[in-house]
């Protein structure tokens, strides 16, 4: 189940088919992150424990 969810998220990121919420953008700005780093983190993510 979790693998499927992560796979779908990665597909959406690769296709640039997602919406970043205003809250998420504010949090990224507060933490000094840029969208490319967030996308990269999701694309490199793996599930290590369920």
Protein backbone atom coordinates (compact mmCIF):
# COMPACT_ATOMS: atom_id res chain seq x y z
CA UNK A 1 0.00 0.00 0.00
CA UNK A 2 2.64 2.55 0.99
CA UNK A 3 4.84 1.59 -1.96
CA UNK A 4 1.95 2.30 -4.30
CA UNK A 5 1.36 5.71 -2.72
CA UNK A 6 5.04 6.66 -2.98
CA UNK A 7 5.18 5.44 -6.58
CA UNK A 8 2.17 7.60 -7.50
CA UNK A 9 3.75 10.63 -5.83
CA UNK A 10 6.95 10.10 -7.81
CA UNK A 11 4.96 9.79 -11.05
CA UNK A 12 3.18 13.06 -10.32
CA UNK A 13 6.44 14.86 -9.58
CA UNK A 14 8.12 13.57 -12.76
CA UNK A 15 5.11 14.73 -14.80
CA UNK A 16 4.96 18.07 -12.94
CA UNK A 17 1.34 17.17 -12.22
CA UNK A 18 0.79 18.32 -8.65
CA UNK A 19 -0.26 21.42 -6.74
CA UNK A 20 1.87 22.92 -4.00
CA UNK A 21 -0.32 24.45 -1.31
CA UNK A 22 0.29 27.94 -0.03
CA UNK A 23 0.99 26.49 3.40
CA UNK A 24 3.63 24.17 1.94
CA UNK A 25 5.27 27.08 0.12
CA UNK A 26 5.33 29.14 3.32
CA UNK A 27 6.91 26.26 5.24
CA UNK A 28 9.51 25.78 2.49
CA UNK A 29 10.36 29.47 2.61
CA UNK A 30 10.63 29.37 6.41
CA UNK A 31 13.05 26.44 6.13
CA UNK A 32 15.04 27.92 3.25
CA UNK A 33 14.06 25.15 0.83
CA UNK A 34 13.43 25.39 -2.89
CA UNK A 35 10.95 23.27 -4.82
CA UNK A 36 13.69 21.40 -6.69
CA UNK A 37 15.13 20.12 -3.41
CA UNK A 38 11.71 19.00 -2.21
CA UNK A 39 11.04 17.21 -5.50
CA UNK A 40 14.46 15.58 -5.34
CA UNK A 41 13.78 14.37 -1.81
CA UNK A 42 10.53 12.69 -2.91
CA UNK A 43 12.15 11.14 -5.97
CA UNK A 44 14.93 9.66 -3.83
CA UNK A 45 12.58 8.56 -1.05
CA UNK A 46 12.14 4.95 -0.06
CA UNK A 47 10.01 3.26 2.54
CA UNK A 48 12.18 1.72 5.22
CA UNK A 49 9.54 0.68 7.75
CA UNK A 50 5.78 0.21 7.84
